[in-house]
Amino acid sequence: MTPPRAVLSWSSGKDCAWAGHMAQQTGQAEIAALLTTTNEAFDRVAMHGTRNALLRAQAAAMDVELIEVPLPWPCSNEVYQDRMAEAVAKLAERGLNHMIFGDLFLEDVRTYREANLAGSGITPLFPLWGRDTAELALEMIDGGLEAHLVTLDPTRLPADFAGRRYDRALLAALPEGIDPCGENGEFHTAVSNCPLFKAPLHVAPGEVVTRDGFVYADLVPSI
């Protein structure tokens, strides 16, 4: 049986990248497009702060359509809900009736996603749900995923972790109590290579800044 064509909820980071990979590997779904919320004011991915130029390079590396949902800054929950509802409705009209998420164990986040998609005609898929995050982190790294920490919460993780490569050395250096996948919001990543990519992206570290209580490490696509 041919797997359904799905949209991958794409943050630019490792968990969504691996979720998409696992969905395809297991025959759960075939990725037809990426859906990303972007920040209109900064020309970057919402939350992660990844440059839109790198976001578009990631989509090109996967050879799939990128659907951007631009959000104002600041953005009210009402505006977010309206723009996402419009995007979801258009996906359903196209027959893209499944959406892949990289969530791991936060029940409230999963419930929120399921509630938002209820009645839309789109079924949420969670290929990584319930996985042990220490095992999953090593699986991703050993499976060829390359990523850097691009956002972190300095109240949970020292600021000098920003910009570091997500690898075994970083995992070994994480303070006690920090989830190896950053699932509790300790950090976010941007991927430069993963099994979904046709070829790795070349990236260079950029400026590190503190803004709105978070530390952002720029990751610049290079030739």
C-alpha atoms as a PDB file:
ATOM      1  CA  MET A   1       0.000   0.000   0.000  1.00  0.00           C
ATOM      2  CA  THR A   2       1.297   3.450  -0.889  1.00  0.00           C
ATOM      3  CA  PRO A   3       1.852   5.578   2.240  1.00  0.00           C
ATOM      4  CA  PRO A   4      -0.193   8.781   2.498  1.00  0.00           C
ATOM      5  CA  ARG A   5       1.362  12.060   1.387  1.00  0.00           C
ATOM      6  CA  ALA A   6       1.959  14.175   4.467  1.00  0.00           C
ATOM      7  CA  VAL A   7       3.084  17.617   5.525  1.00  0.00           C
ATOM      8  CA  LEU A   8       6.008  17.717   7.932  1.00  0.00           C
ATOM      9  CA  SER A   9       5.691  20.366  10.648  1.00  0.00           C
ATOM     10  CA  TRP A  10       9.178  21.827  10.202  1.00  0.00           C
ATOM     11  CA  SER A  11      10.938  23.953  12.813  1.00  0.00           C
ATOM     12  CA  SER A  12      14.376  23.562  11.131  1.00  0.00           C
ATOM     13  CA  GLY A  13      15.524  21.354  14.011  1.00  0.00           C
ATOM     14  CA  LYS A  14      16.578  17.805  14.728  1.00  0.00           C
ATOM     15  CA  ASP A  15      13.382  16.279  16.141  1.00  0.00           C
ATOM     16  CA  CYS A  16      11.158  17.170  13.191  1.00  0.00           C
ATOM     17  CA  ALA A  17      13.928  16.041  10.825  1.00  0.00           C
ATOM     18  CA  TRP A  18      14.157  12.646  12.506  1.00  0.00           C
ATOM     19  CA  ALA A  19      10.384  12.320  12.778  1.00  0.00           C
ATOM     20  CA  GLY A  20      10.103  12.833   9.028  1.00  0.00           C
ATOM     21  CA  HIS A  21      12.854  10.305   8.431  1.00  0.00           C
ATOM     22  CA  MET A  22      11.196   7.699  10.650  1.00  0.00           C
ATOM     23  CA  ALA A  23       7.773   8.291   9.082  1.00  0.00           C
ATOM     24  CA  GLN A  24       9.219   7.524   5.675  1.00  0.00           C
ATOM     25  CA  GLN A  25      11.417   4.651   6.862  1.00  0.00           C
ATOM     26  CA  THR A  26       8.470   2.861   8.466  1.00  0.00           C
ATOM     27  CA  GLY A  27       6.080   3.565   5.614  1.00  0.00           C
ATOM     28  CA  GLN A  28       3.849   5.676   7.852  1.00  0.00           C
ATOM     29  CA  ALA A  29       3.863   8.604   5.424  1.00  0.00           C
ATOM     30  CA  GLU A  30       5.663  10.185   2.482  1.00  0.00           C
ATOM     31  CA  ILE A  31       6.724  13.804   2.919  1.00  0.00           C
ATOM     32  CA  ALA A  32       5.131  16.049   0.312  1.00  0.00           C
ATOM     33  CA  ALA A  33       5.769  19.447   1.900  1.00  0.00           C
ATOM     34  CA  LEU A  34       7.181  21.283   4.904  1.00  0.00           C
ATOM     35  CA  LEU A  35       5.096  23.704   6.978  1.00  0.00           C
ATOM     36  CA  THR A  36       6.962  26.380   8.930  1.00  0.00           C
ATOM     37  CA  THR A  37       5.919  29.468  10.874  1.00  0.00           C
ATOM     38  CA  THR A  38       8.244  32.412  10.280  1.00  0.00           C
ATOM     39  CA  ASN A  39       8.750  35.750  11.990  1.00  0.00           C
ATOM     40  CA  GLU A  40       7.928  38.611   9.610  1.00  0.00           C
ATOM     41  CA  ALA A  41       9.934  41.149  11.600  1.00  0.00           C
ATOM     42  CA  PHE A  42      13.210  39.233  11.652  1.00  0.00           C
ATOM     43  CA  ASP A  43      13.026  37.063   8.503  1.00  0.00           C
ATOM     44  CA  ARG A  44      13.620  33.995  10.637  1.00  0.00           C
ATOM     45  CA  VAL A  45      11.889  30.818  11.765  1.00  0.00           C
ATOM     46  CA  ALA A  46       9.578  31.439  14.714  1.00  0.00           C
ATOM     47  CA  MET A  47      10.959  30.127  18.041  1.00  0.00           C
ATOM     48  CA  HIS A  48      14.223  28.693  16.695  1.00  0.00           C
ATOM     49  CA  GLY A  49      15.453  31.930  15.133  1.00  0.00           C
ATOM     50  CA  THR A  50      16.906  30.115  12.113  1.00  0.00           C
ATOM     51  CA  ARG A  51      17.479  32.374   9.108  1.00  0.00           C
ATOM     52  CA  ASN A  52      14.862  31.959   6.414  1.00  0.00           C
ATOM     53  CA  ALA A  53      17.732  31.558   3.945  1.00  0.00           C
ATOM     54  CA  LEU A  54      18.833  28.436   5.809  1.00  0.00           C
ATOM     55  CA  LEU A  55      15.230  27.243   6.090  1.00  0.00           C
ATOM     56  CA  ARG A  56      14.840  27.446   2.325  1.00  0.00           C
ATOM     57  CA  ALA A  57      18.168  25.697   1.808  1.00  0.00           C
ATOM     58  CA  GLN A  58      16.920  22.846   4.006  1.00  0.00           C
ATOM     59  CA  ALA A  59      13.778  22.481   1.888  1.00  0.00           C
ATOM     60  CA  ALA A  60      15.871  22.512  -1.282  1.00  0.00           C
ATOM     61  CA  ALA A  61      18.131  19.809   0.187  1.00  0.00           C
ATOM     62  CA  MET A  62      15.045  17.645   0.656  1.00  0.00           C
ATOM     63  CA  ASP A  63      13.617  18.621  -2.725  1.00  0.00           C
ATOM     64  CA  VAL A  64      10.183  19.258  -1.224  1.00  0.00           C
ATOM     65  CA  GLU A  65       7.828  22.214  -1.203  1.00  0.00           C
ATOM     66  CA  LEU A  66       8.198  24.701   1.632  1.00  0.00           C
ATOM     67  CA  ILE A  67       5.008  26.332   2.912  1.00  0.00           C
ATOM     68  CA  GLU A  68       5.758  29.358   5.071  1.00  0.00           C
ATOM     69  CA  VAL A  69       3.199  30.825   7.451  1.00  0.00           C
ATOM     70  CA  PRO A  70       4.434  34.357   8.240  1.00  0.00           C
ATOM     71  CA  LEU A  71       3.581  35.712  11.693  1.00  0.00           C
ATOM     72  CA  PRO A  72       3.851  39.297  12.978  1.00  0.00           C
ATOM     73  CA  TRP A  73       6.035  40.191  15.955  1.00  0.00           C
ATOM     74  CA  PRO A  74       4.754  40.288  18.558  1.00  0.00           C
ATOM     75  CA  CYS A  75       2.057  37.788  17.649  1.00  0.00           C
ATOM     76  CA  SER A  76      -1.145  37.245  19.588  1.00  0.00           C
ATOM     77  CA  ASN A  77      -2.504  33.735  19.999  1.00  0.00           C
ATOM     78  CA  GLU A  78      -5.579  34.808  18.040  1.00  0.00           C
ATOM     79  CA  VAL A  79      -3.510  35.839  15.009  1.00  0.00           C
ATOM     80  CA  TYR A  80      -1.462  32.643  15.257  1.00  0.00           C
ATOM     81  CA  GLN A  81      -4.595  30.494  15.373  1.00  0.00           C
ATOM     82  CA  ASP A  82      -6.178  32.321  12.437  1.00  0.00           C
ATOM     83  CA  ARG A  83      -3.144  32.041  10.161  1.00  0.00           C
ATOM     84  CA  MET A  84      -2.512  28.412  11.024  1.00  0.00           C
ATOM     85  CA  ALA A  85      -6.180  27.536  10.485  1.00  0.00           C
ATOM     86  CA  GLU A  86      -6.025  29.136   7.045  1.00  0.00           C
ATOM     87  CA  ALA A  87      -2.862  27.194   6.171  1.00  0.00           C
ATOM     88  CA  VAL A  88      -4.332  23.902   7.423  1.00  0.00           C
ATOM     89  CA  ALA A  89      -7.518  24.434   5.420  1.00  0.00           C
ATOM     90  CA  LYS A  90      -5.493  24.919   2.242  1.00  0.00           C
ATOM     91  CA  LEU A  91      -3.546  21.717   2.942  1.00  0.00           C
ATOM     92  CA  ALA A  92      -6.741  19.739   3.370  1.00  0.00           C
ATOM     93  CA  GLU A  93      -8.095  21.154   0.114  1.00  0.00           C
ATOM     94  CA  ARG A  94      -5.002  19.782  -1.630  1.00  0.00           C
ATOM     95  CA  GLY A  95      -5.555  16.316  -0.198  1.00  0.00           C
ATOM     96  CA  LEU A  96      -2.625  16.501   2.218  1.00  0.00           C
ATOM     97  CA  ASN A  97      -4.487  14.825   5.054  1.00  0.00           C
ATOM     98  CA  HIS A  98      -1.649  13.928   7.432  1.00  0.00           C
ATOM     99  CA  MET A  99       0.797  16.095   9.386  1.00  0.00           C
ATOM    100  CA  ILE A 100       3.986  14.799  11.003  1.00  0.00           C
ATOM    101  CA  PHE A 101       5.219  16.242  14.304  1.00  0.00           C
ATOM    102  CA  GLY A 102       8.510  15.686  16.139  1.00  0.00           C
ATOM    103  CA  ASP A 103       7.065  15.797  19.657  1.00  0.00           C
ATOM    104  CA  LEU A 104       8.506  13.325  22.143  1.00  0.00           C
ATOM    105  CA  PHE A 105       6.670  13.285  25.479  1.00  0.00           C
ATOM    106  CA  LEU A 106       4.966  16.576  26.364  1.00  0.00           C
ATOM    107  CA  GLU A 107       1.318  15.586  26.701  1.00  0.00           C
ATOM    108  CA  ASP A 108       0.026  19.174  26.717  1.00  0.00           C
ATOM    109  CA  VAL A 109       1.753  19.949  23.421  1.00  0.00           C
ATOM    110  CA  ARG A 110       0.383  16.833  21.766  1.00  0.00           C
ATOM    111  CA  THR A 111      -3.117  17.555  23.073  1.00  0.00           C
ATOM    112  CA  TYR A 112      -2.876  21.120  21.743  1.00  0.00           C
ATOM    113  CA  ARG A 113      -1.896  19.913  18.270  1.00  0.00           C
ATOM    114  CA  GLU A 114      -4.627  17.291  18.192  1.00  0.00           C
ATOM    115  CA  ALA A 115      -7.230  19.831  19.301  1.00  0.00           C
ATOM    116  CA  ASN A 116      -6.148  22.333  16.631  1.00  0.00           C
ATOM    117  CA  LEU A 117      -6.415  19.716  13.877  1.00  0.00           C
ATOM    118  CA  ALA A 118      -9.691  18.219  15.107  1.00  0.00           C
ATOM    119  CA  GLY A 119     -12.303  18.510  12.382  1.00  0.00           C
ATOM    120  CA  SER A 120      -9.803  19.823   9.830  1.00  0.00           C
ATOM    121  CA  GLY A 121      -9.540  16.588   7.870  1.00  0.00           C
ATOM    122  CA  ILE A 122      -5.853  16.301   8.778  1.00  0.00           C
ATOM    123  CA  THR A 123      -4.587  13.461  10.972  1.00  0.00           C
ATOM    124  CA  PRO A 124      -1.573  14.209  13.223  1.00  0.00           C
ATOM    125  CA  LEU A 125       1.268  11.684  13.265  1.00  0.00           C
ATOM    126  CA  PHE A 126       3.870  11.418  16.054  1.00  0.00           C
ATOM    127  CA  PRO A 127       6.571   8.955  14.898  1.00  0.00           C
ATOM    128  CA  LEU A 128       8.902   9.645  17.861  1.00  0.00           C
ATOM    129  CA  TRP A 129       6.303   9.711  20.610  1.00  0.00           C
ATOM    130  CA  GLY A 130       7.340   7.980  23.825  1.00  0.00           C
ATOM    131  CA  ARG A 131      10.916   7.282  22.749  1.00  0.00           C
ATOM    132  CA  ASP A 132      13.622   7.378  25.411  1.00  0.00           C
ATOM    133  CA  THR A 133      15.309  10.686  24.638  1.00  0.00           C
ATOM    134  CA  ALA A 134      18.816   9.578  25.641  1.00  0.00           C
ATOM    135  CA  GLU A 135      18.607   6.655  23.223  1.00  0.00           C
ATOM    136  CA  LEU A 136      16.975   8.806  20.562  1.00  0.00           C
ATOM    137  CA  ALA A 137      19.681  11.464  20.787  1.00  0.00           C
ATOM    138  CA  LEU A 138      22.397   8.882  20.107  1.00  0.00           C
ATOM    139  CA  GLU A 139      20.331   7.298  17.339  1.00  0.00           C
ATOM    140  CA  MET A 140      20.066  10.645  15.558  1.00  0.00           C
ATOM    141  CA  ILE A 141      23.745  11.477  15.908  1.00  0.00           C
ATOM    142  CA  ASP A 142      24.903   8.010  14.862  1.00  0.00           C
ATOM    143  CA  GLY A 143      22.360   8.039  12.020  1.00  0.00           C
ATOM    144  CA  GLY A 144      24.041  10.961  10.292  1.00  0.00           C
ATOM    145  CA  LEU A 145      22.105  13.916  11.650  1.00  0.00           C
ATOM    146  CA  GLU A 146      24.193  17.074  11.978  1.00  0.00           C
ATOM    147  CA  ALA A 147      22.851  20.055  13.895  1.00  0.00           C
ATOM    148  CA  HIS A 148      23.876  23.016  16.017  1.00  0.00           C
ATOM    149  CA  LEU A 149      22.237  24.606  19.051  1.00  0.00           C
ATOM    150  CA  VAL A 150      20.711  27.845  17.768  1.00  0.00           C
ATOM    151  CA  THR A 151      18.518  28.837  20.717  1.00  0.00           C
ATOM    152  CA  LEU A 152      18.804  28.126  24.418  1.00  0.00           C
ATOM    153  CA  ASP A 153      17.260  29.132  27.717  1.00  0.00           C
ATOM    154  CA  PRO A 154      20.148  30.516  29.803  1.00  0.00           C
ATOM    155  CA  THR A 155      18.250  29.804  33.032  1.00  0.00           C
ATOM    156  CA  ARG A 156      18.596  26.100  32.234  1.00  0.00           C
ATOM    157  CA  LEU A 157      21.738  25.800  30.130  1.00  0.00           C
ATOM    158  CA  PRO A 158      24.959  27.876  30.188  1.00  0.00           C
ATOM    159  CA  ALA A 159      25.015  30.459  27.410  1.00  0.00           C
ATOM    160  CA  ASP A 160      28.281  29.120  25.994  1.00  0.00           C
ATOM    161  CA  PHE A 161      26.416  26.054  24.708  1.00  0.00           C
ATOM    162  CA  ALA A 162      24.827  28.280  22.050  1.00  0.00           C
ATOM    163  CA  GLY A 163      26.261  27.521  18.624  1.00  0.00           C
ATOM    164  CA  ARG A 164      27.779  24.192  19.634  1.00  0.00           C
ATOM    165  CA  ARG A 165      27.387  21.148  17.439  1.00  0.00           C
ATOM    166  CA  TYR A 166      24.873  18.591  18.626  1.00  0.00           C
ATOM    167  CA  ASP A 167      27.091  15.547  19.079  1.00  0.00           C
ATOM    168  CA  ARG A 168      28.184  12.996  21.649  1.00  0.00           C
ATOM    169  CA  ALA A 169      30.583  15.465  23.266  1.00  0.00           C
ATOM    170  CA  LEU A 170      27.750  17.935  23.800  1.00  0.00           C
ATOM    171  CA  LEU A 171      25.500  15.253  25.267  1.00  0.00           C
ATOM    172  CA  ALA A 172      28.232  14.278  27.708  1.00  0.00           C
ATOM    173  CA  ALA A 173      28.658  17.916  28.761  1.00  0.00           C
ATOM    174  CA  LEU A 174      24.973  18.653  29.411  1.00  0.00           C
ATOM    175  CA  PRO A 175      24.271  19.546  33.049  1.00  0.00           C
ATOM    176  CA  GLU A 176      22.286  17.102  35.144  1.00  0.00           C
ATOM    177  CA  GLY A 177      18.551  17.335  34.565  1.00  0.00           C
ATOM    178  CA  ILE A 178      18.777  18.663  31.006  1.00  0.00           C
ATOM    179  CA  ASP A 179      16.864  16.518  28.538  1.00  0.00           C
ATOM    180  CA  PRO A 180      19.244  15.156  25.859  1.00  0.00           C
ATOM    181  CA  CYS A 181      16.804  16.274  23.164  1.00  0.00           C
ATOM    182  CA  GLY A 182      15.938  19.596  24.823  1.00  0.00           C
ATOM    183  CA  GLU A 183      12.289  18.575  24.922  1.00  0.00           C
ATOM    184  CA  ASN A 184      11.584  20.731  27.970  1.00  0.00           C
ATOM    185  CA  GLY A 185      12.601  23.883  26.102  1.00  0.00           C
ATOM    186  CA  GLU A 186      16.233  23.910  27.228  1.00  0.00           C
ATOM    187  CA  PHE A 187      17.486  24.360  23.671  1.00  0.00           C
ATOM    188  CA  HIS A 188      16.546  24.234  20.002  1.00  0.00           C
ATOM    189  CA  THR A 189      18.625  23.204  17.010  1.00  0.00           C
ATOM    190  CA  ALA A 190      18.961  23.720  13.274  1.00  0.00           C
ATOM    191  CA  VAL A 191      20.005  20.796  11.090  1.00  0.00           C
ATOM    192  CA  SER A 192      22.596  20.969   8.333  1.00  0.00           C
ATOM    193  CA  ASN A 193      22.386  17.301   7.401  1.00  0.00           C
ATOM    194  CA  CYS A 194      20.055  14.362   7.982  1.00  0.00           C
ATOM    195  CA  PRO A 195      18.863  11.283   6.083  1.00  0.00           C
ATOM    196  CA  LEU A 196      16.147  13.390   4.410  1.00  0.00           C
ATOM    197  CA  PHE A 197      18.745  15.603   2.706  1.00  0.00           C
ATOM    198  CA  LYS A 198      20.099  14.825  -0.762  1.00  0.00           C
ATOM    199  CA  ALA A 199      23.381  16.448   0.302  1.00  0.00           C
ATOM    200  CA  PRO A 200      24.637  18.193   3.459  1.00  0.00           C
ATOM    201  CA  LEU A 201      24.421  21.959   3.811  1.00  0.00           C
ATOM    202  CA  HIS A 202      27.514  24.046   4.422  1.00  0.00           C
ATOM    203  CA  VAL A 203      27.017  26.363   7.373  1.00  0.00           C
ATOM    204  CA  ALA A 204      29.164  28.759   9.357  1.00  0.00           C
ATOM    205  CA  PRO A 205      28.664  30.079  12.900  1.00  0.00           C
ATOM    206  CA  GLY A 206      27.414  33.654  13.123  1.00  0.00           C
ATOM    207  CA  GLU A 207      26.674  36.183  15.836  1.00  0.00           C
ATOM    208  CA  VAL A 208      25.473  35.119  19.283  1.00  0.00           C
ATOM    209  CA  VAL A 209      22.945  37.478  20.893  1.00  0.00           C
ATOM    210  CA  THR A 210      20.654  37.525  23.918  1.00  0.00           C
ATOM    211  CA  ARG A 211      17.117  38.684  23.205  1.00  0.00           C
ATOM    212  CA  ASP A 212      13.834  38.368  25.097  1.00  0.00           C
ATOM    213  CA  GLY A 213      15.423  36.107  27.684  1.00  0.00           C
ATOM    214  CA  PHE A 214      16.917  33.604  25.214  1.00  0.00           C
ATOM    215  CA  VAL A 215      20.362  33.175  23.684  1.00  0.00           C
ATOM    216  CA  TYR A 216      20.409  32.905  19.890  1.00  0.00           C
ATOM    217  CA  ALA A 217      23.378  31.617  17.889  1.00  0.00           C
ATOM    218  CA  ASP A 218      23.137  32.464  14.208  1.00  0.00           C
ATOM    219  CA  LEU A 219      23.881  29.708  11.696  1.00  0.00           C
ATOM    220  CA  VAL A 220      24.761  31.088   8.285  1.00  0.00           C
ATOM    221  CA  PRO A 221      24.441  29.037   5.072  1.00  0.00           C
ATOM    222  CA  SER A 222      27.658  29.212   3.067  1.00  0.00           C
ATOM    223  CA  ILE A 223      28.920  27.928  -0.281  1.00  0.00           C
END
